Amino acid sequence: MQPQLWTYLIAITLLTLTPGVDTMLIIRNTSRGGWRDGAVSSVGICTGLFVHATVSAVGISVILLQSALAFSALKLAGAAYLVWLGLVSLRQAWKRGDSPATAIPVSPRLRFSVRRSLAEGFLSNVLNPKTVVFYMAFLPQFIDPSGSALRQSLFLAGLHFAIAMVWQCFLALIVDHAGTWLQHRAVHRAFDGVTGSILMALGIKLALTR
């Protein structure tokens, strides 16, 4: 393996392990619908990487960086989606507090939906302009100008896909194993409140970033 590729793998692994929007979404969705929910959400998130790789390869990211209007529109769309996810979690936390704790000591999980999990993961990743900027600035360092930029970008995104899937599925497994504890009303309410607040904070921060 070329030293340059090792550099890419190390950098992308550290990026994947760093807590952020993807981590919070995996934790949130796993607590909502179990390991499958978190794993399928991870598939959606990681699939979005190929969109960013393609965008980077064809140069659209350059247009986004140079066009304040286009970049602002994408940024606000992504921020609004994160705020919406946060509001959903906060609403769930509020609902859990409306009923007496003795009525339902354990909160049931929501029904698992492949379409919902895939869509939430995919949109969360694709609508994050920071990923667009990162791919546009980072991938070219590992692309041979004499070869196909698109093919090389997709290959690098494939490596990122594999690393992120392993980590996120492992994270979902950890959260799922703590499922009984997380499903207690007070714990789940606090968990929904914290994750919802963080998602909203990330969305607001993203919207305010210039």
Protein backbone atom coordinates (compact mmCIF):
# COMPACT_ATOMS: atom_id res chain seq x y z
CA MET A 1 0.00 0.00 0.00
CA GLN A 2 1.33 3.44 -0.92
CA PRO A 3 2.35 5.71 1.99
CA GLN A 4 -0.02 8.35 0.65
CA LEU A 5 -2.95 5.95 0.97
CA TRP A 6 -1.96 5.13 4.54
CA THR A 7 -2.06 8.83 5.29
CA TYR A 8 -5.57 9.02 3.87
CA LEU A 9 -6.75 6.00 5.89
CA ILE A 10 -5.37 7.38 9.15
CA ALA A 11 -6.85 10.82 8.57
CA ILE A 12 -10.25 9.53 7.51
CA THR A 13 -10.38 7.10 10.46
CA LEU A 14 -9.68 9.90 12.93
CA LEU A 15 -12.35 12.01 11.25
CA THR A 16 -14.85 9.15 11.50
CA LEU A 17 -14.14 8.55 15.19
CA THR A 18 -14.57 12.24 16.04
CA PRO A 19 -18.08 12.78 17.53
CA GLY A 20 -20.31 14.89 15.35
CA VAL A 21 -23.63 14.94 13.54
CA ASP A 22 -23.30 11.35 12.27
CA THR A 23 -22.51 10.03 15.75
CA MET A 24 -25.49 11.77 17.31
CA LEU A 25 -27.84 10.51 14.59
CA ILE A 26 -26.66 6.90 15.05
CA ILE A 27 -27.13 7.11 18.83
CA ARG A 28 -30.53 8.77 18.46
CA ASN A 29 -31.88 6.30 15.91
CA THR A 30 -30.50 3.22 17.66
CA SER A 31 -32.21 4.22 20.88
CA ARG A 32 -35.37 4.75 18.86
CA GLY A 33 -35.53 1.50 16.90
CA GLY A 34 -32.68 -0.78 17.96
CA TRP A 35 -29.50 -1.90 16.26
CA ARG A 36 -31.13 -2.27 12.84
CA ASP A 37 -32.28 1.34 12.94
CA GLY A 38 -28.75 2.51 13.71
CA ALA A 39 -27.13 0.22 11.13
CA VAL A 40 -29.49 1.21 8.32
CA SER A 41 -29.06 4.87 9.25
CA SER A 42 -25.31 4.27 8.90
CA VAL A 43 -25.87 2.88 5.39
CA GLY A 44 -27.73 6.08 4.52
CA ILE A 45 -25.01 8.28 6.01
CA CYS A 46 -22.19 6.42 4.27
CA THR A 47 -24.00 6.33 0.93
CA GLY A 48 -23.99 10.11 1.02
CA LEU A 49 -20.18 10.00 0.91
CA PHE A 50 -20.33 8.91 -2.73
CA VAL A 51 -22.42 11.97 -3.53
CA HIS A 52 -19.77 14.21 -1.99
CA ALA A 53 -17.00 12.34 -3.80
CA THR A 54 -18.79 12.80 -7.13
CA VAL A 55 -19.45 16.46 -6.43
CA SER A 56 -15.79 16.96 -5.57
CA ALA A 57 -14.61 15.16 -8.70
CA VAL A 58 -16.74 17.12 -11.17
CA GLY A 59 -15.89 20.45 -9.58
CA ILE A 60 -19.32 21.44 -8.30
CA SER A 61 -17.82 21.98 -4.87
CA VAL A 62 -15.68 24.74 -6.34
CA ILE A 63 -18.83 26.47 -7.54
CA LEU A 64 -20.37 26.12 -4.09
CA LEU A 65 -17.32 27.67 -2.48
CA GLN A 66 -17.26 30.58 -4.93
CA SER A 67 -21.01 31.20 -4.92
CA ALA A 68 -22.19 32.69 -1.63
CA LEU A 69 -25.84 32.15 -2.57
CA ALA A 70 -25.45 28.46 -3.47
CA PHE A 71 -23.34 27.71 -0.41
CA SER A 72 -25.71 29.57 1.90
CA ALA A 73 -28.71 27.70 0.50
CA LEU A 74 -27.05 24.31 1.08
CA LYS A 75 -25.85 25.36 4.51
CA LEU A 76 -29.27 26.54 5.63
CA ALA A 77 -30.96 23.39 4.25
CA GLY A 78 -28.60 21.18 6.22
CA ALA A 79 -28.95 23.32 9.34
CA ALA A 80 -32.74 23.25 9.12
CA TYR A 81 -32.74 19.47 8.82
CA LEU A 82 -30.55 19.08 11.92
CA VAL A 83 -32.78 21.45 13.88
CA TRP A 84 -35.82 19.44 12.76
CA LEU A 85 -34.25 16.18 13.95
CA GLY A 86 -33.49 17.86 17.27
CA LEU A 87 -37.04 19.11 17.62
CA VAL A 88 -38.37 15.60 17.00
CA SER A 89 -36.21 14.23 19.83
CA LEU A 90 -37.22 17.06 22.16
CA ARG A 91 -40.87 16.43 21.35
CA GLN A 92 -40.40 12.76 22.23
CA ALA A 93 -38.79 13.79 25.52
CA TRP A 94 -41.70 16.12 26.26
CA LYS A 95 -44.29 13.43 25.50
CA ARG A 96 -42.58 10.97 27.81
CA GLY A 97 -42.93 13.48 30.62
CA ASP A 98 -46.65 14.00 30.07
CA SER A 99 -47.66 10.54 31.29
CA PRO A 100 -47.26 9.34 34.88
CA ALA A 101 -44.05 7.36 35.38
CA THR A 102 -46.03 4.51 36.91
CA ALA A 103 -48.32 4.14 33.91
CA ILE A 104 -45.67 2.77 31.57
CA PRO A 105 -42.41 2.07 33.39
CA VAL A 106 -40.62 1.17 30.16
CA SER A 107 -40.99 3.20 26.98
CA PRO A 108 -41.61 1.02 23.89
CA ARG A 109 -39.42 1.53 20.85
CA LEU A 110 -40.86 2.90 17.67
CA ARG A 111 -41.50 0.55 14.76
CA PHE A 112 -38.41 0.14 12.60
CA SER A 113 -38.64 1.61 9.10
CA VAL A 114 -35.88 0.99 6.55
CA ARG A 115 -37.02 3.89 4.37
CA ARG A 116 -37.09 6.35 7.27
CA SER A 117 -33.67 5.33 8.60
CA LEU A 118 -32.04 5.44 5.15
CA ALA A 119 -33.58 8.82 4.36
CA GLU A 120 -32.55 10.39 7.67
CA GLY A 121 -28.98 9.12 7.36
CA PHE A 122 -28.62 10.08 3.71
CA LEU A 123 -30.10 13.56 4.07
CA SER A 124 -28.12 14.25 7.25
CA ASN A 125 -24.89 13.57 5.38
CA VAL A 126 -25.69 15.07 1.97
CA LEU A 127 -27.09 18.29 3.43
CA ASN A 128 -23.97 18.87 5.54
CA PRO A 129 -21.90 21.46 3.63
CA LYS A 130 -18.90 20.83 5.87
CA THR A 131 -18.59 17.38 4.30
CA VAL A 132 -18.75 18.95 0.83
CA VAL A 133 -15.98 21.40 1.70
CA PHE A 134 -13.90 18.69 3.38
CA TYR A 135 -14.07 16.37 0.39
CA MET A 136 -13.32 19.17 -2.05
CA ALA A 137 -10.24 20.23 -0.07
CA PHE A 138 -9.05 16.81 1.11
CA LEU A 139 -9.55 14.29 -1.71
CA PRO A 140 -7.52 16.12 -4.40
CA GLN A 141 -4.38 15.54 -2.30
CA PHE A 142 -4.71 11.79 -2.97
CA ILE A 143 -5.75 11.87 -6.62
CA ASP A 144 -3.34 11.25 -9.48
CA PRO A 145 -3.97 13.94 -12.14
CA SER A 146 -3.07 11.45 -14.87
CA GLY A 147 -5.95 9.14 -13.90
CA SER A 148 -9.73 9.45 -13.69
CA ALA A 149 -10.60 11.90 -10.92
CA LEU A 150 -14.11 10.46 -10.59
CA ARG A 151 -12.96 6.85 -10.32
CA GLN A 152 -10.28 7.71 -7.77
CA SER A 153 -12.69 9.85 -5.73
CA LEU A 154 -15.24 7.05 -5.61
CA PHE A 155 -12.53 4.58 -4.55
CA LEU A 156 -11.46 6.85 -1.68
CA ALA A 157 -15.10 7.34 -0.71
CA GLY A 158 -15.47 3.54 -0.72
CA LEU A 159 -12.67 3.25 1.84
CA HIS A 160 -14.34 5.93 3.93
CA PHE A 161 -17.64 4.04 3.57
CA ALA A 162 -16.11 0.81 4.93
CA ILE A 163 -14.41 2.50 7.89
CA ALA A 164 -17.47 4.54 8.82
CA MET A 165 -19.82 1.54 8.54
CA VAL A 166 -17.66 -0.56 10.89
CA TRP A 167 -17.44 2.20 13.49
CA GLN A 168 -21.07 3.31 13.32
CA CYS A 169 -22.45 -0.24 13.45
CA PHE A 170 -20.22 -0.95 16.43
CA LEU A 171 -21.50 2.22 18.09
CA ALA A 172 -25.08 1.16 17.38
CA LEU A 173 -24.35 -2.25 18.92
CA ILE A 174 -23.05 -0.61 22.11
CA VAL A 175 -26.12 1.62 22.36
CA ASP A 176 -28.45 -1.30 21.62
CA HIS A 177 -26.89 -3.47 24.35
CA ALA A 178 -27.72 -0.72 26.79
CA GLY A 179 -31.25 -0.79 25.44
CA THR A 180 -33.02 -1.94 28.62
CA TRP A 181 -31.40 0.83 30.62
CA LEU A 182 -32.08 3.39 27.89
CA GLN A 183 -35.74 2.37 27.64
CA HIS A 184 -36.59 3.39 31.20
CA ARG A 185 -38.82 6.43 30.98
CA ALA A 186 -36.64 8.85 32.94
CA VAL A 187 -33.44 7.76 31.19
CA HIS A 188 -34.99 7.80 27.73
CA ARG A 189 -36.54 11.19 28.34
CA ALA A 190 -33.19 12.62 29.44
CA PHE A 191 -31.46 10.91 26.51
CA ASP A 192 -33.93 12.32 23.97
CA GLY A 193 -33.59 15.74 25.55
CA VAL A 194 -29.78 15.73 25.44
CA THR A 195 -29.48 14.36 21.89
CA GLY A 196 -32.23 16.67 20.67
CA SER A 197 -30.51 19.69 22.21
CA ILE A 198 -27.14 18.74 20.71
CA LEU A 199 -28.62 18.20 17.24
CA MET A 200 -30.35 21.56 17.42
CA ALA A 201 -27.15 23.22 18.64
CA LEU A 202 -25.19 21.70 15.76
CA GLY A 203 -27.82 22.90 13.29
CA ILE A 204 -27.82 26.43 14.70
CA LYS A 205 -24.02 26.53 14.78
CA LEU A 206 -23.95 25.37 11.16
CA ALA A 207 -26.41 28.06 10.14
CA LEU A 208 -24.38 30.77 11.86
CA THR A 209 -21.03 29.62 10.45
CA ARG A 210 -19.74 32.01 7.79
